[in-house]
Amino acid sequence: MTSLTQRTSGLVQRRTEAIRSAAAAEKEKDSGGEEDEARRGEEEEDDKGDSKETRLTLMEEVLLLGLKDREGYTSFWNDCISSGLRGCMLVELALRGRVQLDACGVRRKSLLARKVICKSDAPTGDVLLDEALKHIKETQPPETVQSWIELLSGETWNPLKLHYQLRNVRERLAKNLVEKGVLTTEKQNFLLFDMTTHPLTNSPIKQRLVKKVQDSVLEKWVNDPHRMDKRVLSLILLAHSSDVLENAFAPLQDEQYDLGMKRVHTLLELEPEKESTKPNANELMWAVVAAFTK
């Protein structure tokens, strides 16, 4: 009788412990789920508005920095943005794994002497990028970064290479931004002619873009280009090459403006040849920087 009572007591005790363990595991699972949910919520908050519809390419970001909010067009005096946007295309393709520089060889050719080759011809989903990628893939022998910037801009004396020019790039990028709900389309009369303009309609997107640029050289400054996000680093350098970076710093107070520009100049003084040899560096990005700073 005593033995039966002990066995029954032991069975009840084991069952009770099993129930407690299951309850603890369920509680831990719920807690983990809540933590994951909170983490996702924080990420969504950080990337709020950065949905598929509002995620911008480097070209679109540079153009948006250059556009006057109300007037809807870039400065008539800016003669750098055309080539700058072509540089953005090459870097965007490189960041997406579509193009790269050929091998440097034993004698280690300079960045500007190396050719751009197609790494993958998978469509990017962007008409301009796919058009540029098609040209790069089909061109034999391959061309250098400097040559591609000139060819895509139409800056060539060779009539046989004029077909490489990507036409109406600014207008096409502006239409992309209209489709993404960032800009709108209007007609303005300039006495002798009418011009299509694209005023800003979605201020928060541009404000986030401006803040991203500002924070990268102020609150989030890491003093090491290789610890910076490659896309943000490319944006700063290419926005400067396109002569639109100043627009992002214009709203800052004098002290912040001076500090931000000082750090930008620190990036501009880097040697592309040296930086491109460091681990995880994107060689083609530094080649584009070299082409604009040579």
Protein backbone atom coordinates (compact mmCIF):
# COMPACT_ATOMS: atom_id res chain seq x y z
CA MET A 1 0.00 0.00 0.00
CA THR A 2 2.79 2.37 0.98
CA SER A 3 4.65 1.47 -2.24
CA LEU A 4 1.55 2.24 -4.36
CA THR A 5 1.11 5.61 -2.62
CA GLN A 6 4.76 6.51 -3.28
CA ARG A 7 4.47 5.58 -6.97
CA THR A 8 1.28 7.65 -7.30
CA SER A 9 2.93 10.60 -5.54
CA GLY A 10 5.99 10.34 -7.81
CA LEU A 11 3.80 10.23 -10.92
CA VAL A 12 1.87 13.32 -9.83
CA GLN A 13 5.12 15.13 -9.05
CA ARG A 14 6.62 14.31 -12.47
CA ARG A 15 3.42 15.39 -14.22
CA THR A 16 3.40 18.65 -12.27
CA GLU A 17 7.03 19.32 -13.22
CA ALA A 18 6.26 18.57 -16.88
CA ILE A 19 3.35 21.03 -16.82
CA ARG A 20 5.56 23.69 -15.21
CA SER A 21 8.31 23.13 -17.82
CA ALA A 22 5.83 23.38 -20.67
CA ALA A 23 4.39 26.59 -19.21
CA ALA A 24 7.88 28.07 -18.81
CA ALA A 25 8.78 27.14 -22.39
CA GLU A 26 5.56 28.68 -23.68
CA LYS A 27 6.23 31.85 -21.69
CA GLU A 28 9.78 32.03 -23.04
CA LYS A 29 8.47 31.51 -26.57
CA ASP A 30 5.92 34.29 -26.12
CA SER A 31 8.61 36.54 -24.69
CA GLY A 32 10.92 35.79 -27.60
CA GLY A 33 8.09 36.46 -30.02
CA GLU A 34 7.40 39.77 -28.36
CA GLU A 35 11.09 40.67 -28.56
CA ASP A 36 11.19 39.73 -32.24
CA GLU A 37 8.04 41.74 -32.85
CA ALA A 38 9.53 44.72 -31.03
CA ARG A 39 12.75 44.40 -33.00
CA ARG A 40 10.80 44.29 -36.25
CA GLY A 41 8.84 47.29 -35.10
CA GLU A 42 12.04 49.23 -34.42
CA GLU A 43 13.43 48.29 -37.85
CA GLU A 44 10.18 49.35 -39.49
CA GLU A 45 10.34 52.62 -37.58
CA ASP A 46 13.94 53.19 -38.68
CA ASP A 47 13.05 52.44 -42.29
CA LYS A 48 9.64 54.06 -42.15
CA GLY A 49 8.68 55.15 -45.61
CA ASP A 50 11.49 53.13 -47.17
CA SER A 51 9.05 50.75 -48.82
CA LYS A 52 9.56 49.29 -52.27
CA GLU A 53 7.72 52.23 -53.78
CA THR A 54 9.88 54.86 -52.11
CA ARG A 55 13.27 53.12 -52.17
CA LEU A 56 15.43 55.30 -54.38
CA THR A 57 18.40 54.53 -56.59
CA LEU A 58 21.61 56.55 -56.31
CA MET A 59 20.66 58.44 -59.48
CA GLU A 60 17.25 59.37 -58.07
CA GLU A 61 18.76 60.47 -54.75
CA VAL A 62 21.34 62.70 -56.44
CA LEU A 63 18.71 64.22 -58.72
CA LEU A 64 16.37 64.80 -55.77
CA LEU A 65 19.14 66.63 -53.90
CA GLY A 66 19.68 68.81 -56.97
CA LEU A 67 16.04 69.65 -57.68
CA LYS A 68 14.58 72.88 -56.35
CA ASP A 69 11.58 71.90 -54.23
CA ARG A 70 9.04 74.41 -55.54
CA GLU A 71 10.39 75.11 -59.01
CA GLY A 72 10.94 71.44 -59.84
CA TYR A 73 14.14 71.73 -61.89
CA THR A 74 17.89 71.71 -61.29
CA SER A 75 20.06 74.81 -61.44
CA PHE A 76 20.70 76.00 -64.99
CA TRP A 77 24.33 76.61 -63.98
CA ASN A 78 24.98 73.03 -62.91
CA ASP A 79 27.04 71.43 -65.68
CA CYS A 80 28.29 68.56 -63.48
CA ILE A 81 25.08 66.65 -62.79
CA SER A 82 24.88 65.02 -66.22
CA SER A 83 28.19 63.14 -65.89
CA GLY A 84 27.53 62.66 -62.15
CA LEU A 85 24.32 60.76 -62.87
CA ARG A 86 26.19 58.45 -65.29
CA GLY A 87 28.72 57.76 -62.55
CA CYS A 88 25.80 56.95 -60.23
CA MET A 89 24.57 54.35 -62.73
CA LEU A 90 27.92 52.56 -62.81
CA VAL A 91 28.15 52.51 -59.01
CA GLU A 92 24.53 51.38 -58.66
CA LEU A 93 25.21 48.49 -61.05
CA ALA A 94 28.34 47.60 -59.08
CA LEU A 95 26.52 47.67 -55.74
CA ARG A 96 23.89 45.37 -57.23
CA GLY A 97 26.54 42.91 -58.39
CA ARG A 98 25.99 43.46 -62.12
CA VAL A 99 29.37 44.91 -63.13
CA GLN A 100 32.94 44.95 -61.83
CA LEU A 101 36.46 45.87 -62.89
CA ASP A 102 38.61 43.31 -64.65
CA ALA A 103 41.49 41.72 -62.76
CA CYS A 104 44.30 44.13 -61.92
CA GLY A 105 46.99 41.67 -63.03
CA VAL A 106 50.45 41.04 -61.66
CA ARG A 107 51.69 44.52 -62.57
CA ARG A 108 48.62 46.02 -60.88
CA LYS A 109 47.01 48.41 -63.34
CA SER A 110 45.54 51.65 -62.03
CA LEU A 111 41.79 51.89 -61.46
CA LEU A 112 41.32 54.17 -64.46
CA ALA A 113 43.20 51.75 -66.74
CA ARG A 114 41.06 48.75 -65.83
CA LYS A 115 38.01 47.78 -67.90
CA VAL A 116 34.39 47.48 -66.75
CA ILE A 117 33.04 43.99 -67.35
CA CYS A 118 29.58 42.49 -66.97
CA LYS A 119 29.34 40.18 -63.96
CA SER A 120 25.62 39.37 -64.29
CA ASP A 121 23.10 40.42 -66.92
CA ALA A 122 20.07 39.74 -64.70
CA PRO A 123 17.52 42.57 -65.08
CA THR A 124 17.61 45.19 -62.33
CA GLY A 125 14.01 46.32 -62.70
CA ASP A 126 15.19 49.82 -63.62
CA VAL A 127 15.01 50.75 -67.33
CA LEU A 128 18.01 53.11 -67.26
CA LEU A 129 20.22 50.65 -65.40
CA ASP A 130 19.23 47.80 -67.70
CA GLU A 131 19.98 49.97 -70.74
CA ALA A 132 23.44 50.83 -69.42
CA LEU A 133 24.07 47.20 -68.46
CA LYS A 134 23.13 46.05 -71.98
CA HIS A 135 25.69 48.46 -73.49
CA ILE A 136 28.42 47.25 -71.11
CA LYS A 137 27.69 43.60 -71.79
CA GLU A 138 27.65 43.93 -75.58
CA THR A 139 30.72 46.16 -75.94
CA GLN A 140 33.91 44.42 -77.03
CA PRO A 141 36.61 45.20 -76.22
CA PRO A 142 35.45 46.51 -72.81
CA GLU A 143 35.78 50.19 -71.90
CA THR A 144 37.15 51.91 -68.80
CA VAL A 145 35.06 53.73 -66.18
CA GLN A 146 36.12 57.12 -67.56
CA SER A 147 35.12 56.07 -71.07
CA TRP A 148 31.71 54.80 -69.93
CA ILE A 149 30.91 58.05 -68.13
CA GLU A 150 31.71 59.95 -71.33
CA LEU A 151 29.93 57.52 -73.65
CA LEU A 152 26.74 57.36 -71.58
CA SER A 153 26.78 61.18 -71.42
CA GLY A 154 27.25 61.50 -75.20
CA GLU A 155 30.59 63.25 -74.74
CA THR A 156 32.47 61.56 -77.54
CA TRP A 157 33.92 62.72 -80.85
CA ASN A 158 33.45 59.29 -82.37
CA PRO A 159 30.14 59.26 -84.33
CA LEU A 160 30.15 55.45 -84.25
CA LYS A 161 29.79 55.56 -80.47
CA LEU A 162 26.99 58.11 -80.20
CA HIS A 163 24.45 55.30 -79.82
CA TYR A 164 25.79 54.67 -76.32
CA GLN A 165 24.37 57.97 -75.10
CA LEU A 166 21.49 57.63 -72.63
CA ARG A 167 19.09 60.43 -73.56
CA ASN A 168 16.76 62.49 -71.37
CA VAL A 169 18.19 60.93 -68.21
CA ARG A 170 17.05 63.70 -65.85
CA GLU A 171 13.53 63.69 -67.28
CA ARG A 172 13.31 59.90 -67.06
CA LEU A 173 14.57 59.88 -63.47
CA ALA A 174 12.09 62.62 -62.58
CA LYS A 175 9.27 60.51 -64.05
CA ASN A 176 10.43 57.58 -61.90
CA LEU A 177 10.15 59.85 -58.86
CA VAL A 178 6.67 60.93 -60.00
CA GLU A 179 5.64 57.27 -60.17
CA LYS A 180 7.02 56.73 -56.67
CA GLY A 181 4.93 59.62 -55.37
CA VAL A 182 7.89 61.89 -54.61
CA LEU A 183 7.40 64.53 -57.33
CA THR A 184 4.56 65.80 -59.48
CA THR A 185 4.51 67.10 -63.06
CA GLU A 186 3.71 70.67 -64.10
CA LYS A 187 4.25 72.99 -67.06
CA GLN A 188 5.98 76.33 -66.59
CA ASN A 189 6.22 79.15 -69.09
CA PHE A 190 9.64 80.78 -69.53
CA LEU A 191 8.68 83.55 -71.96
CA LEU A 192 10.12 81.94 -75.07
CA PHE A 193 9.30 78.32 -74.27
CA ASP A 194 7.33 75.98 -72.02
CA MET A 195 9.21 73.56 -69.79
CA THR A 196 8.03 70.47 -67.95
CA THR A 197 8.94 70.76 -64.27
CA HIS A 198 8.66 68.34 -61.35
CA PRO A 199 8.00 70.09 -58.01
CA LEU A 200 8.36 68.16 -54.76
CA THR A 201 5.14 66.70 -53.34
CA ASN A 202 6.46 64.25 -50.74
CA SER A 203 8.59 66.39 -48.40
CA PRO A 204 9.22 63.65 -45.77
CA ILE A 205 11.12 61.50 -48.30
CA LYS A 206 13.46 64.34 -49.22
CA GLN A 207 13.85 65.32 -45.57
CA ARG A 208 14.90 61.75 -44.73
CA LEU A 209 17.37 61.81 -47.61
CA VAL A 210 18.88 65.13 -46.47
CA LYS A 211 19.03 63.89 -42.85
CA LYS A 212 20.75 60.68 -43.95
CA VAL A 213 23.47 62.71 -45.67
CA GLN A 214 23.83 65.09 -42.73
CA ASP A 215 23.92 62.35 -40.08
CA SER A 216 26.57 60.39 -41.98
CA VAL A 217 29.10 63.17 -41.41
CA LEU A 218 27.76 64.48 -38.10
CA GLU A 219 25.97 62.28 -35.51
CA LYS A 220 26.85 58.96 -37.19
CA TRP A 221 30.36 59.90 -38.31
CA VAL A 222 32.72 56.90 -37.91
CA ASN A 223 35.93 58.46 -39.26
CA ASP A 224 36.59 55.43 -41.45
CA PRO A 225 35.13 55.14 -44.98
CA HIS A 226 35.23 51.34 -44.82
CA ARG A 227 32.95 51.29 -41.78
CA MET A 228 30.44 53.50 -43.55
CA ASP A 229 27.56 52.04 -45.51
CA LYS A 230 28.79 51.74 -49.11
CA ARG A 231 25.61 53.26 -50.52
CA VAL A 232 25.77 56.28 -48.20
CA LEU A 233 29.48 56.79 -48.89
CA SER A 234 28.78 56.60 -52.65
CA LEU A 235 25.92 59.07 -52.30
CA ILE A 236 28.12 61.66 -50.56
CA LEU A 237 30.98 61.37 -53.05
CA LEU A 238 28.74 61.32 -56.13
CA ALA A 239 26.54 64.15 -54.84
CA HIS A 240 29.71 66.22 -54.51
CA SER A 241 30.82 65.26 -58.03
CA SER A 242 27.35 66.30 -59.28
CA ASP A 243 27.61 69.64 -57.43
CA VAL A 244 24.44 69.05 -55.38
CA LEU A 245 25.89 68.09 -51.98
CA GLU A 246 25.82 71.71 -50.84
CA ASN A 247 22.00 71.59 -50.94
CA ALA A 248 21.94 68.93 -48.20
CA PHE A 249 24.06 71.06 -45.86
CA ALA A 250 22.41 74.42 -46.56
CA PRO A 251 19.85 74.12 -43.69
CA LEU A 252 22.56 73.46 -41.05
CA GLN A 253 23.79 75.95 -38.48
CA ASP A 254 27.21 77.46 -39.23
CA GLU A 255 29.12 75.24 -36.79
CA GLN A 256 27.47 72.04 -38.03
CA TYR A 257 27.92 73.13 -41.63
CA ASP A 258 31.65 73.74 -41.15
CA LEU A 259 32.12 70.41 -39.34
CA GLY A 260 30.13 68.50 -41.96
CA MET A 261 32.00 70.01 -44.88
CA LYS A 262 35.33 69.42 -43.15
CA ARG A 263 34.51 65.72 -42.87
CA VAL A 264 33.33 65.60 -46.48
CA HIS A 265 36.69 67.04 -47.55
CA THR A 266 38.35 64.32 -45.46
CA LEU A 267 36.58 61.75 -47.64
CA LEU A 268 37.43 63.63 -50.82
CA GLU A 269 41.13 63.67 -49.93
CA LEU A 270 41.30 59.87 -49.73
CA GLU A 271 43.39 58.12 -52.37
CA PRO A 272 41.08 55.86 -54.44
CA GLU A 273 43.96 53.58 -55.49
CA LYS A 274 44.86 52.91 -51.87
CA GLU A 275 41.27 52.63 -50.59
CA SER A 276 40.29 50.16 -53.31
CA THR A 277 42.85 47.61 -52.05
CA LYS A 278 41.36 47.41 -48.56
CA PRO A 279 39.13 44.47 -47.53
CA ASN A 280 35.51 44.58 -48.74
CA ALA A 281 36.16 47.71 -50.82
CA ASN A 282 34.12 48.15 -53.99
CA GLU A 283 36.78 48.74 -56.63
CA LEU A 284 34.43 50.13 -59.25
CA MET A 285 33.04 52.71 -56.83
CA TRP A 286 36.54 53.98 -56.11
CA ALA A 287 37.29 53.96 -59.85
CA VAL A 288 34.31 56.27 -60.43
CA VAL A 289 35.55 58.53 -57.61
CA ALA A 290 39.01 58.54 -59.21
CA ALA A 291 37.49 59.50 -62.57
CA PHE A 292 35.84 62.58 -61.04
CA THR A 293 38.77 63.65 -58.88
CA LYS A 294 41.68 63.04 -61.29
